Amino acid sequence: MSTISGGGKELEAYDQILKFFNKKNRTDEETEIWEDQTYINLMGFLKKKKEIENLYNNYKLVENAIILILSLFHEVPPDKFNSMGKDAKDIDNSDRDDIISMLKKEFL
């Protein structure tokens, strides 16, 4: 089981995440262990403070890798508005027509 070993190469780190995500026949337990080890490994990049610009690059690598892992392996909605409101199919026709006319006035 491999973890992120980006070594400053951001693309390689993302590629490793995507390879594991696309791996066939991985169990939930294997995924959880890989994810935990990857988070620990990513945090190790933040301890490397040899150069200020390298620290910034490492921070961005960690931030983007965590976002990628969360979006691939967890059902996290993009924002709080994703789960608010009603589906247009659930609104009766007169209300839908009113909403469409208000939107047309607003945007046209």
PDB file of N, CA and C in Angstrom:
ATOM      1  N   MET A   1       0.853  -1.174   0.000  1.00  0.00           N
ATOM      2  CA  MET A   1       0.000   0.000   0.000  1.00  0.00           C
ATOM      3  C   MET A   1       0.900   1.240   0.000  1.00  0.00           C
ATOM      4  N   SER A   2       0.708   2.076  -0.984  1.00  0.00           N
ATOM      5  CA  SER A   2       1.565   3.257  -1.078  1.00  0.00           C
ATOM      6  C   SER A   2       0.821   4.484  -0.580  1.00  0.00           C
ATOM      7  N   THR A   3       1.602   5.438  -0.135  1.00  0.00           N
ATOM      8  CA  THR A   3       1.039   6.723   0.264  1.00  0.00           C
ATOM      9  C   THR A   3       1.680   7.796  -0.592  1.00  0.00           C
ATOM     10  N   ILE A   4       1.245   9.004  -0.401  1.00  0.00           N
ATOM     11  CA  ILE A   4       1.734  10.112  -1.218  1.00  0.00           C
ATOM     12  C   ILE A   4       3.218  10.321  -0.964  1.00  0.00           C
ATOM     13  N   SER A   5       3.967  10.367  -2.044  1.00  0.00           N
ATOM     14  CA  SER A   5       5.396  10.644  -1.935  1.00  0.00           C
ATOM     15  C   SER A   5       5.770  11.671  -2.981  1.00  0.00           C
ATOM     16  N   GLY A   6       5.011  12.738  -2.991  1.00  0.00           N
ATOM     17  CA  GLY A   6       5.137  13.749  -4.025  1.00  0.00           C
ATOM     18  C   GLY A   6       6.524  14.312  -4.183  1.00  0.00           C
ATOM     19  N   GLY A   7       7.267  14.452  -3.107  1.00  0.00           N
ATOM     20  CA  GLY A   7       8.616  14.972  -3.207  1.00  0.00           C
ATOM     21  C   GLY A   7       8.659  16.308  -3.914  1.00  0.00           C
ATOM     22  N   GLY A   8       7.638  17.123  -3.732  1.00  0.00           N
ATOM     23  CA  GLY A   8       7.611  18.422  -4.369  1.00  0.00           C
ATOM     24  C   GLY A   8       6.967  18.407  -5.747  1.00  0.00           C
ATOM     25  N   LYS A   9       6.663  17.235  -6.266  1.00  0.00           N
ATOM     26  CA  LYS A   9       6.027  17.150  -7.578  1.00  0.00           C
ATOM     27  C   LYS A   9       4.531  16.951  -7.374  1.00  0.00           C
ATOM     28  N   GLU A  10       3.811  18.023  -7.513  1.00  0.00           N
ATOM     29  CA  GLU A  10       2.387  18.041  -7.211  1.00  0.00           C
ATOM     30  C   GLU A  10       1.608  17.057  -8.076  1.00  0.00           C
ATOM     31  N   LEU A  11       1.915  17.018  -9.353  1.00  0.00           N
ATOM     32  CA  LEU A  11       1.193  16.159 -10.274  1.00  0.00           C
ATOM     33  C   LEU A  11       1.328  14.686  -9.890  1.00  0.00           C
ATOM     34  N   GLU A  12       2.519  14.281  -9.434  1.00  0.00           N
ATOM     35  CA  GLU A  12       2.732  12.891  -9.025  1.00  0.00           C
ATOM     36  C   GLU A  12       1.860  12.546  -7.818  1.00  0.00           C
ATOM     37  N   ALA A  13       1.712  13.484  -6.895  1.00  0.00           N
ATOM     38  CA  ALA A  13       0.882  13.243  -5.712  1.00  0.00           C
ATOM     39  C   ALA A  13      -0.569  13.031  -6.115  1.00  0.00           C
ATOM     40  N   TYR A  14      -1.086  13.881  -6.994  1.00  0.00           N
ATOM     41  CA  TYR A  14      -2.470  13.748  -7.444  1.00  0.00           C
ATOM     42  C   TYR A  14      -2.652  12.445  -8.226  1.00  0.00           C
ATOM     43  N   ASP A  15      -1.653  12.086  -9.010  1.00  0.00           N
ATOM     44  CA  ASP A  15      -1.718  10.856  -9.784  1.00  0.00           C
ATOM     45  C   ASP A  15      -1.818   9.643  -8.865  1.00  0.00           C
ATOM     46  N   GLN A  16      -1.083   9.655  -7.760  1.00  0.00           N
ATOM     47  CA  GLN A  16      -1.138   8.546  -6.798  1.00  0.00           C
ATOM     48  C   GLN A  16      -2.524   8.439  -6.168  1.00  0.00           C
ATOM     49  N   ILE A  17      -3.144   9.571  -5.879  1.00  0.00           N
ATOM     50  CA  ILE A  17      -4.500   9.568  -5.315  1.00  0.00           C
ATOM     51  C   ILE A  17      -5.474   8.971  -6.329  1.00  0.00           C
ATOM     52  N   LEU A  18      -5.382   9.422  -7.567  1.00  0.00           N
ATOM     53  CA  LEU A  18      -6.289   8.931  -8.606  1.00  0.00           C
ATOM     54  C   LEU A  18      -6.077   7.449  -8.901  1.00  0.00           C
ATOM     55  N   LYS A  19      -4.830   6.985  -8.863  1.00  0.00           N
ATOM     56  CA  LYS A  19      -4.552   5.567  -9.094  1.00  0.00           C
ATOM     57  C   LYS A  19      -5.207   4.718  -8.006  1.00  0.00           C
ATOM     58  N   PHE A  20      -5.094   5.156  -6.756  1.00  0.00           N
ATOM     59  CA  PHE A  20      -5.719   4.383  -5.689  1.00  0.00           C
ATOM     60  C   PHE A  20      -7.238   4.427  -5.820  1.00  0.00           C
ATOM     61  N   PHE A  21      -7.786   5.577  -6.166  1.00  0.00           N
ATOM     62  CA  PHE A  21      -9.234   5.699  -6.323  1.00  0.00           C
ATOM     63  C   PHE A  21      -9.744   4.755  -7.413  1.00  0.00           C
ATOM     64  N   ASN A  22      -8.998   4.605  -8.496  1.00  0.00           N
ATOM     65  CA  ASN A  22      -9.408   3.757  -9.620  1.00  0.00           C
ATOM     66  C   ASN A  22      -9.068   2.283  -9.423  1.00  0.00           C
ATOM     67  N   LYS A  23      -8.414   1.960  -8.322  1.00  0.00           N
ATOM     68  CA  LYS A  23      -8.016   0.580  -8.042  1.00  0.00           C
ATOM     69  C   LYS A  23      -9.261  -0.296  -7.902  1.00  0.00           C
ATOM     70  N   LYS A  24      -9.268  -1.401  -8.597  1.00  0.00           N
ATOM     71  CA  LYS A  24     -10.391  -2.346  -8.545  1.00  0.00           C
ATOM     72  C   LYS A  24     -10.292  -3.186  -7.268  1.00  0.00           C
ATOM     73  N   ASN A  25     -11.422  -3.613  -6.786  1.00  0.00           N
ATOM     74  CA  ASN A  25     -11.510  -4.542  -5.657  1.00  0.00           C
ATOM     75  C   ASN A  25     -10.845  -4.042  -4.374  1.00  0.00           C
ATOM     76  N   ARG A  26     -10.913  -2.761  -4.113  1.00  0.00           N
ATOM     77  CA  ARG A  26     -10.380  -2.278  -2.837  1.00  0.00           C
ATOM     78  C   ARG A  26     -11.493  -2.322  -1.807  1.00  0.00           C
ATOM     79  N   THR A  27     -11.155  -2.735  -0.612  1.00  0.00           N
ATOM     80  CA  THR A  27     -12.160  -2.850   0.440  1.00  0.00           C
ATOM     81  C   THR A  27     -12.317  -1.509   1.151  1.00  0.00           C
ATOM     82  N   ASP A  28     -13.408  -1.368   1.894  1.00  0.00           N
ATOM     83  CA  ASP A  28     -13.610  -0.150   2.685  1.00  0.00           C
ATOM     84  C   ASP A  28     -12.509   0.006   3.718  1.00  0.00           C
ATOM     85  N   GLU A  29     -12.098  -1.117   4.313  1.00  0.00           N
ATOM     86  CA  GLU A  29     -11.032  -1.065   5.318  1.00  0.00           C
ATOM     87  C   GLU A  29      -9.709  -0.623   4.688  1.00  0.00           C
ATOM     88  N   GLU A  30      -9.394  -1.175   3.535  1.00  0.00           N
ATOM     89  CA  GLU A  30      -8.161  -0.791   2.835  1.00  0.00           C
ATOM     90  C   GLU A  30      -8.191   0.694   2.473  1.00  0.00           C
ATOM     91  N   THR A  31      -9.346   1.167   2.032  1.00  0.00           N
ATOM     92  CA  THR A  31      -9.494   2.577   1.670  1.00  0.00           C
ATOM     93  C   THR A  31      -9.300   3.464   2.887  1.00  0.00           C
ATOM     94  N   GLU A  32      -9.897   3.091   4.008  1.00  0.00           N
ATOM     95  CA  GLU A  32      -9.763   3.898   5.225  1.00  0.00           C
ATOM     96  C   GLU A  32      -8.320   3.937   5.715  1.00  0.00           C
ATOM     97  N   ILE A  33      -7.650   2.805   5.683  1.00  0.00           N
ATOM     98  CA  ILE A  33      -6.239   2.761   6.105  1.00  0.00           C
ATOM     99  C   ILE A  33      -5.389   3.611   5.174  1.00  0.00           C
ATOM    100  N   TRP A  34      -5.592   3.473   3.854  1.00  0.00           N
ATOM    101  CA  TRP A  34      -4.827   4.261   2.890  1.00  0.00           C
ATOM    102  C   TRP A  34      -5.060   5.757   3.114  1.00  0.00           C
ATOM    103  N   GLU A  35      -6.325   6.111   3.330  1.00  0.00           N
ATOM    104  CA  GLU A  35      -6.658   7.522   3.519  1.00  0.00           C
ATOM    105  C   GLU A  35      -5.990   8.079   4.774  1.00  0.00           C
ATOM    106  N   ASP A  36      -6.055   7.345   5.884  1.00  0.00           N
ATOM    107  CA  ASP A  36      -5.424   7.801   7.130  1.00  0.00           C
ATOM    108  C   ASP A  36      -3.915   7.945   6.965  1.00  0.00           C
ATOM    109  N   GLN A  37      -3.291   6.955   6.336  1.00  0.00           N
ATOM    110  CA  GLN A  37      -1.837   7.028   6.115  1.00  0.00           C
ATOM    111  C   GLN A  37      -1.471   8.188   5.196  1.00  0.00           C
ATOM    112  N   THR A  38      -2.327   8.438   4.227  1.00  0.00           N
ATOM    113  CA  THR A  38      -2.068   9.535   3.289  1.00  0.00           C
ATOM    114  C   THR A  38      -2.163  10.883   3.984  1.00  0.00           C
ATOM    115  N   TYR A  39      -3.157  11.056   4.855  1.00  0.00           N
ATOM    116  CA  TYR A  39      -3.261  12.309   5.615  1.00  0.00           C
ATOM    117  C   TYR A  39      -2.016  12.521   6.478  1.00  0.00           C
ATOM    118  N   ILE A  40      -1.567  11.476   7.140  1.00  0.00           N
ATOM    119  CA  ILE A  40      -0.361  11.576   7.980  1.00  0.00           C
ATOM    120  C   ILE A  40       0.836  11.944   7.123  1.00  0.00           C
ATOM    121  N   ASN A  41       0.958  11.277   5.971  1.00  0.00           N
ATOM    122  CA  ASN A  41       2.061  11.546   5.059  1.00  0.00           C
ATOM    123  C   ASN A  41       2.012  12.981   4.539  1.00  0.00           C
ATOM    124  N   LEU A  42       0.818  13.452   4.203  1.00  0.00           N
ATOM    125  CA  LEU A  42       0.672  14.828   3.715  1.00  0.00           C
ATOM    126  C   LEU A  42       1.057  15.847   4.782  1.00  0.00           C
ATOM    127  N   MET A  43       0.682  15.578   6.021  1.00  0.00           N
ATOM    128  CA  MET A  43       1.043  16.498   7.104  1.00  0.00           C
ATOM    129  C   MET A  43       2.560  16.584   7.272  1.00  0.00           C
ATOM    130  N   GLY A  44       3.255  15.498   6.914  1.00  0.00           N
ATOM    131  CA  GLY A  44       4.714  15.505   6.970  1.00  0.00           C
ATOM    132  C   GLY A  44       5.331  16.524   6.029  1.00  0.00           C
ATOM    133  N   PHE A  45       4.651  16.816   4.920  1.00  0.00           N
ATOM    134  CA  PHE A  45       5.161  17.835   4.003  1.00  0.00           C
ATOM    135  C   PHE A  45       5.213  19.202   4.668  1.00  0.00           C
ATOM    136  N   LEU A  46       4.321  19.448   5.608  1.00  0.00           N
ATOM    137  CA  LEU A  46       4.281  20.764   6.254  1.00  0.00           C
ATOM    138  C   LEU A  46       5.415  20.940   7.263  1.00  0.00           C
ATOM    139  N   LYS A  47       6.053  19.848   7.670  1.00  0.00           N
ATOM    140  CA  LYS A  47       7.165  19.940   8.616  1.00  0.00           C
ATOM    141  C   LYS A  47       8.471  20.321   7.923  1.00  0.00           C
ATOM    142  N   LYS A  48       8.503  20.153   6.628  1.00  0.00           N
ATOM    143  CA  LYS A  48       9.717  20.456   5.865  1.00  0.00           C
ATOM    144  C   LYS A  48       9.787  21.956   5.619  1.00  0.00           C
ATOM    145  N   LYS A  49      10.577  22.651   6.412  1.00  0.00           N
ATOM    146  CA  LYS A  49      10.640  24.116   6.317  1.00  0.00           C
ATOM    147  C   LYS A  49      12.005  24.575   5.817  1.00  0.00           C
ATOM    148  N   LYS A  50      12.561  23.889   4.838  1.00  0.00           N
ATOM    149  CA  LYS A  50      13.891  24.242   4.355  1.00  0.00           C
ATOM    150  C   LYS A  50      13.902  25.577   3.634  1.00  0.00           C
ATOM    151  N   GLU A  51      12.881  25.832   2.835  1.00  0.00           N
ATOM    152  CA  GLU A  51      12.792  27.089   2.100  1.00  0.00           C
ATOM    153  C   GLU A  51      11.383  27.641   2.243  1.00  0.00           C
ATOM    154  N   ILE A  52      11.266  28.950   2.346  1.00  0.00           N
ATOM    155  CA  ILE A  52       9.953  29.575   2.509  1.00  0.00           C
ATOM    156  C   ILE A  52       9.061  29.284   1.309  1.00  0.00           C
ATOM    157  N   GLU A  53       9.576  29.418   0.082  1.00  0.00           N
ATOM    158  CA  GLU A  53       8.741  29.162  -1.088  1.00  0.00           C
ATOM    159  C   GLU A  53       8.363  27.692  -1.183  1.00  0.00           C
ATOM    160  N   ASN A  54       9.258  26.802  -0.741  1.00  0.00           N
ATOM    161  CA  ASN A  54       8.957  25.375  -0.735  1.00  0.00           C
ATOM    162  C   ASN A  54       7.846  25.084   0.273  1.00  0.00           C
ATOM    163  N   LEU A  55       7.838  25.789   1.389  1.00  0.00           N
ATOM    164  CA  LEU A  55       6.793  25.608   2.383  1.00  0.00           C
ATOM    165  C   LEU A  55       5.438  25.985   1.795  1.00  0.00           C
ATOM    166  N   TYR A  56       5.385  27.094   1.050  1.00  0.00           N
ATOM    167  CA  TYR A  56       4.135  27.504   0.414  1.00  0.00           C
ATOM    168  C   TYR A  56       3.670  26.443  -0.585  1.00  0.00           C
ATOM    169  N   ASN A  57       4.602  25.935  -1.399  1.00  0.00           N
ATOM    170  CA  ASN A  57       4.250  24.890  -2.364  1.00  0.00           C
ATOM    171  C   ASN A  57       3.765  23.633  -1.663  1.00  0.00           C
ATOM    172  N   ASN A  58       4.424  23.273  -0.558  1.00  0.00           N
ATOM    173  CA  ASN A  58       3.996  22.106   0.207  1.00  0.00           C
ATOM    174  C   ASN A  58       2.606  22.327   0.793  1.00  0.00           C
ATOM    175  N   TYR A  59       2.341  23.527   1.272  1.00  0.00           N
ATOM    176  CA  TYR A  59       1.026  23.837   1.833  1.00  0.00           C
ATOM    177  C   TYR A  59      -0.047  23.688   0.765  1.00  0.00           C
ATOM    178  N   LYS A  60       0.186  24.214  -0.432  1.00  0.00           N
ATOM    179  CA  LYS A  60      -0.791  24.114  -1.515  1.00  0.00           C
ATOM    180  C   LYS A  60      -0.981  22.652  -1.942  1.00  0.00           C
ATOM    181  N   LEU A  61       0.108  21.885  -1.973  1.00  0.00           N
ATOM    182  CA  LEU A  61       0.014  20.464  -2.297  1.00  0.00           C
ATOM    183  C   LEU A  61      -0.890  19.750  -1.300  1.00  0.00           C
ATOM    184  N   VAL A  62      -0.664  19.976  -0.020  1.00  0.00           N
ATOM    185  CA  VAL A  62      -1.453  19.331   1.031  1.00  0.00           C
ATOM    186  C   VAL A  62      -2.913  19.755   0.933  1.00  0.00           C
ATOM    187  N   GLU A  63      -3.138  21.048   0.792  1.00  0.00           N
ATOM    188  CA  GLU A  63      -4.505  21.565   0.703  1.00  0.00           C
ATOM    189  C   GLU A  63      -5.261  20.955  -0.480  1.00  0.00           C
ATOM    190  N   ASN A  64      -4.658  20.965  -1.645  1.00  0.00           N
ATOM    191  CA  ASN A  64      -5.317  20.454  -2.844  1.00  0.00           C
ATOM    192  C   ASN A  64      -5.482  18.932  -2.805  1.00  0.00           C
ATOM    193  N   ALA A  65      -4.508  18.232  -2.238  1.00  0.00           N
ATOM    194  CA  ALA A  65      -4.610  16.775  -2.133  1.00  0.00           C
ATOM    195  C   ALA A  65      -5.748  16.384  -1.196  1.00  0.00           C
ATOM    196  N   ILE A  66      -5.904  17.096  -0.091  1.00  0.00           N
ATOM    197  CA  ILE A  66      -6.991  16.807   0.842  1.00  0.00           C
ATOM    198  C   ILE A  66      -8.344  17.084   0.175  1.00  0.00           C
ATOM    199  N   ILE A  67      -8.445  18.175  -0.552  1.00  0.00           N
ATOM    200  CA  ILE A  67      -9.688  18.480  -1.274  1.00  0.00           C
ATOM    201  C   ILE A  67      -9.999  17.369  -2.276  1.00  0.00           C
ATOM    202  N   LEU A  68      -8.993  16.890  -2.992  1.00  0.00           N
ATOM    203  CA  LEU A  68      -9.186  15.821  -3.969  1.00  0.00           C
ATOM    204  C   LEU A  68      -9.648  14.535  -3.287  1.00  0.00           C
ATOM    205  N   ILE A  69      -8.997  14.172  -2.187  1.00  0.00           N
ATOM    206  CA  ILE A  69      -9.369  12.954  -1.461  1.00  0.00           C
ATOM    207  C   ILE A  69     -10.805  13.051  -0.951  1.00  0.00           C
ATOM    208  N   LEU A  70     -11.147  14.180  -0.355  1.00  0.00           N
ATOM    209  CA  LEU A  70     -12.502  14.343   0.175  1.00  0.00           C
ATOM    210  C   LEU A  70     -13.545  14.276  -0.929  1.00  0.00           C
ATOM    211  N   SER A  71     -13.253  14.883  -2.075  1.00  0.00           N
ATOM    212  CA  SER A  71     -14.246  14.891  -3.149  1.00  0.00           C
ATOM    213  C   SER A  71     -14.375  13.521  -3.809  1.00  0.00           C
ATOM    214  N   LEU A  72     -13.325  12.718  -3.820  1.00  0.00           N
ATOM    215  CA  LEU A  72     -13.395  11.404  -4.451  1.00  0.00           C
ATOM    216  C   LEU A  72     -13.969  10.331  -3.532  1.00  0.00           C
ATOM    217  N   PHE A  73     -13.534  10.320  -2.273  1.00  0.00           N
ATOM    218  CA  PHE A  73     -13.849   9.216  -1.383  1.00  0.00           C
ATOM    219  C   PHE A  73     -15.023   9.479  -0.447  1.00  0.00           C
ATOM    220  N   HIS A  74     -15.516  10.694  -0.391  1.00  0.00           N
ATOM    221  CA  HIS A  74     -16.612  11.027   0.525  1.00  0.00           C
ATOM    222  C   HIS A  74     -17.704  11.759  -0.240  1.00  0.00           C
ATOM    223  N   GLU A  75     -18.924  11.542   0.173  1.00  0.00           N
ATOM    224  CA  GLU A  75     -20.039  12.227  -0.463  1.00  0.00           C
ATOM    225  C   GLU A  75     -20.265  13.566   0.233  1.00  0.00           C
ATOM    226  N   VAL A  76     -19.399  14.512  -0.081  1.00  0.00           N
ATOM    227  CA  VAL A  76     -19.474  15.841   0.499  1.00  0.00           C
ATOM    228  C   VAL A  76     -20.136  16.756  -0.528  1.00  0.00           C
ATOM    229  N   PRO A  77     -21.238  17.424  -0.154  1.00  0.00           N
ATOM    230  CA  PRO A  77     -21.862  18.331  -1.118  1.00  0.00           C
ATOM    231  C   PRO A  77     -20.944  19.514  -1.410  1.00  0.00           C
ATOM    232  N   PRO A  78     -21.024  20.066  -2.617  1.00  0.00           N
ATOM    233  CA  PRO A  78     -20.136  21.170  -2.975  1.00  0.00           C
ATOM    234  C   PRO A  78     -20.312  22.404  -2.090  1.00  0.00           C
ATOM    235  N   ASP A  79     -21.535  22.653  -1.645  1.00  0.00           N
ATOM    236  CA  ASP A  79     -21.783  23.765  -0.734  1.00  0.00           C
ATOM    237  C   ASP A  79     -23.121  23.549  -0.048  1.00  0.00           C
ATOM    238  N   LYS A  80     -23.443  24.392   0.917  1.00  0.00           N
ATOM    239  CA  LYS A  80     -24.659  24.191   1.694  1.00  0.00           C
ATOM    240  C   LYS A  80     -25.923  24.390   0.864  1.00  0.00           C
ATOM    241  N   PHE A  81     -25.843  25.114  -0.228  1.00  0.00           N
ATOM    242  CA  PHE A  81     -27.008  25.370  -1.059  1.00  0.00           C
ATOM    243  C   PHE A  81     -27.366  24.174  -1.941  1.00  0.00           C
ATOM    244  N   ASN A  82     -26.456  23.221  -2.048  1.00  0.00           N
ATOM    245  CA  ASN A  82     -26.689  22.038  -2.859  1.00  0.00           C
ATOM    246  C   ASN A  82     -27.880  21.220  -2.346  1.00  0.00           C
ATOM    247  N   SER A  83     -28.094  21.242  -1.045  1.00  0.00           N
ATOM    248  CA  SER A  83     -29.148  20.411  -0.476  1.00  0.00           C
ATOM    249  C   SER A  83     -30.358  21.232  -0.020  1.00  0.00           C
ATOM    250  N   MET A  84     -30.404  22.508  -0.371  1.00  0.00           N
ATOM    251  CA  MET A  84     -31.523  23.355   0.027  1.00  0.00           C
ATOM    252  C   MET A  84     -32.536  23.457  -1.111  1.00  0.00           C
ATOM    253  N   GLY A  85     -33.745  23.796  -0.761  1.00  0.00           N
ATOM    254  CA  GLY A  85     -34.766  24.054  -1.771  1.00  0.00           C
ATOM    255  C   GLY A  85     -35.449  22.791  -2.238  1.00  0.00           C
ATOM    256  N   LYS A  86     -36.276  22.958  -3.248  1.00  0.00           N
ATOM    257  CA  LYS A  86     -37.034  21.850  -3.819  1.00  0.00           C
ATOM    258  C   LYS A  86     -36.604  21.632  -5.262  1.00  0.00           C
ATOM    259  N   ASP A  87     -36.744  20.401  -5.693  1.00  0.00           N
ATOM    260  CA  ASP A  87     -36.492  20.085  -7.085  1.00  0.00           C
ATOM    261  C   ASP A  87     -37.613  20.698  -7.923  1.00  0.00           C
ATOM    262  N   ALA A  88     -37.290  21.223  -9.080  1.00  0.00           N
ATOM    263  CA  ALA A  88     -38.285  21.871  -9.944  1.00  0.00           C
ATOM    264  C   ALA A  88     -39.406  20.915 -10.327  1.00  0.00           C
ATOM    265  N   LYS A  89     -39.117  19.624 -10.354  1.00  0.00           N
ATOM    266  CA  LYS A  89     -40.142  18.631 -10.696  1.00  0.00           C
ATOM    267  C   LYS A  89     -41.201  18.522  -9.600  1.00  0.00           C
ATOM    268  N   ASP A  90     -40.857  18.912  -8.366  1.00  0.00           N
ATOM    269  CA  ASP A  90     -41.775  18.791  -7.235  1.00  0.00           C
ATOM    270  C   ASP A  90     -42.669  20.014  -7.046  1.00  0.00           C
ATOM    271  N   ILE A  91     -42.493  21.044  -7.852  1.00  0.00           N
ATOM    272  CA  ILE A  91     -43.268  22.277  -7.728  1.00  0.00           C
ATOM    273  C   ILE A  91     -44.451  22.208  -8.703  1.00  0.00           C
ATOM    274  N   ASP A  92     -45.611  22.652  -8.264  1.00  0.00           N
ATOM    275  CA  ASP A  92     -46.761  22.596  -9.180  1.00  0.00           C
ATOM    276  C   ASP A  92     -46.576  23.606 -10.320  1.00  0.00           C
ATOM    277  N   ASN A  93     -47.303  23.409 -11.389  1.00  0.00           N
ATOM    278  CA  ASN A  93     -47.108  24.167 -12.634  1.00  0.00           C
ATOM    279  C   ASN A  93     -47.272  25.673 -12.458  1.00  0.00           C
ATOM    280  N   SER A  94     -48.259  26.120 -11.684  1.00  0.00           N
ATOM    281  CA  SER A  94     -48.455  27.573 -11.534  1.00  0.00           C
ATOM    282  C   SER A  94     -47.281  28.208 -10.793  1.00  0.00           C
ATOM    283  N   ASP A  95     -46.788  27.544  -9.744  1.00  0.00           N
ATOM    284  CA  ASP A  95     -45.626  28.074  -9.025  1.00  0.00           C
ATOM    285  C   ASP A  95     -44.395  28.082  -9.923  1.00  0.00           C
ATOM    286  N   ARG A  96     -44.221  27.030 -10.707  1.00  0.00           N
ATOM    287  CA  ARG A  96     -43.076  26.951 -11.613  1.00  0.00           C
ATOM    288  C   ARG A  96     -43.130  28.083 -12.630  1.00  0.00           C
ATOM    289  N   ASP A  97     -44.307  28.360 -13.165  1.00  0.00           N
ATOM    290  CA  ASP A  97     -44.458  29.454 -14.133  1.00  0.00           C
ATOM    291  C   ASP A  97     -44.139  30.800 -13.494  1.00  0.00           C
ATOM    292  N   ASP A  98     -44.574  31.010 -12.250  1.00  0.00           N
ATOM    293  CA  ASP A  98     -44.264  32.252 -11.526  1.00  0.00           C
ATOM    294  C   ASP A  98     -42.765  32.414 -11.326  1.00  0.00           C
ATOM    295  N   ILE A  99     -42.113  31.331 -10.937  1.00  0.00           N
ATOM    296  CA  ILE A  99     -40.658  31.376 -10.706  1.00  0.00           C
ATOM    297  C   ILE A  99     -39.925  31.672 -12.009  1.00  0.00           C
ATOM    298  N   ILE A 100     -40.330  31.027 -13.075  1.00  0.00           N
ATOM    299  CA  ILE A 100     -39.681  31.246 -14.380  1.00  0.00           C
ATOM    300  C   ILE A 100     -39.871  32.685 -14.833  1.00  0.00           C
ATOM    301  N   SER A 101     -41.055  33.225 -14.633  1.00  0.00           N
ATOM    302  CA  SER A 101     -41.278  34.613 -15.053  1.00  0.00           C
ATOM    303  C   SER A 101     -40.454  35.586 -14.211  1.00  0.00           C
ATOM    304  N   MET A 102     -40.319  35.327 -12.902  1.00  0.00           N
ATOM    305  CA  MET A 102     -39.468  36.178 -12.054  1.00  0.00           C
ATOM    306  C   MET A 102     -38.009  36.093 -12.489  1.00  0.00           C
ATOM    307  N   LEU A 103     -37.547  34.893 -12.813  1.00  0.00           N
ATOM    308  CA  LEU A 103     -36.163  34.732 -13.257  1.00  0.00           C
ATOM    309  C   LEU A 103     -35.921  35.437 -14.589  1.00  0.00           C
ATOM    310  N   LYS A 104     -36.899  35.369 -15.491  1.00  0.00           N
ATOM    311  CA  LYS A 104     -36.762  36.062 -16.782  1.00  0.00           C
ATOM    312  C   LYS A 104     -36.664  37.557 -16.574  1.00  0.00           C
ATOM    313  N   LYS A 105     -37.471  38.113 -15.665  1.00  0.00           N
ATOM    314  CA  LYS A 105     -37.401  39.554 -15.374  1.00  0.00           C
ATOM    315  C   LYS A 105     -36.052  39.930 -14.795  1.00  0.00           C
ATOM    316  N   GLU A 106     -35.526  39.049 -13.964  1.00  0.00           N
ATOM    317  CA  GLU A 106     -34.253  39.320 -13.294  1.00  0.00           C
ATOM    318  C   GLU A 106     -33.078  39.274 -14.253  1.00  0.00           C
ATOM    319  N   PHE A 107     -33.081  38.297 -15.152  1.00  0.00           N
ATOM    320  CA  PHE A 107     -31.905  38.062 -15.982  1.00  0.00           C
ATOM    321  C   PHE A 107     -32.004  38.577 -17.401  1.00  0.00           C
ATOM    322  N   LEU A 108     -33.191  38.932 -17.841  1.00  0.00           N
ATOM    323  CA  LEU A 108     -33.310  39.414 -19.230  1.00  0.00           C
ATOM    324  C   LEU A 108     -33.559  40.884 -19.290  1.00  0.00           C
TER     325      LEU A 108
END
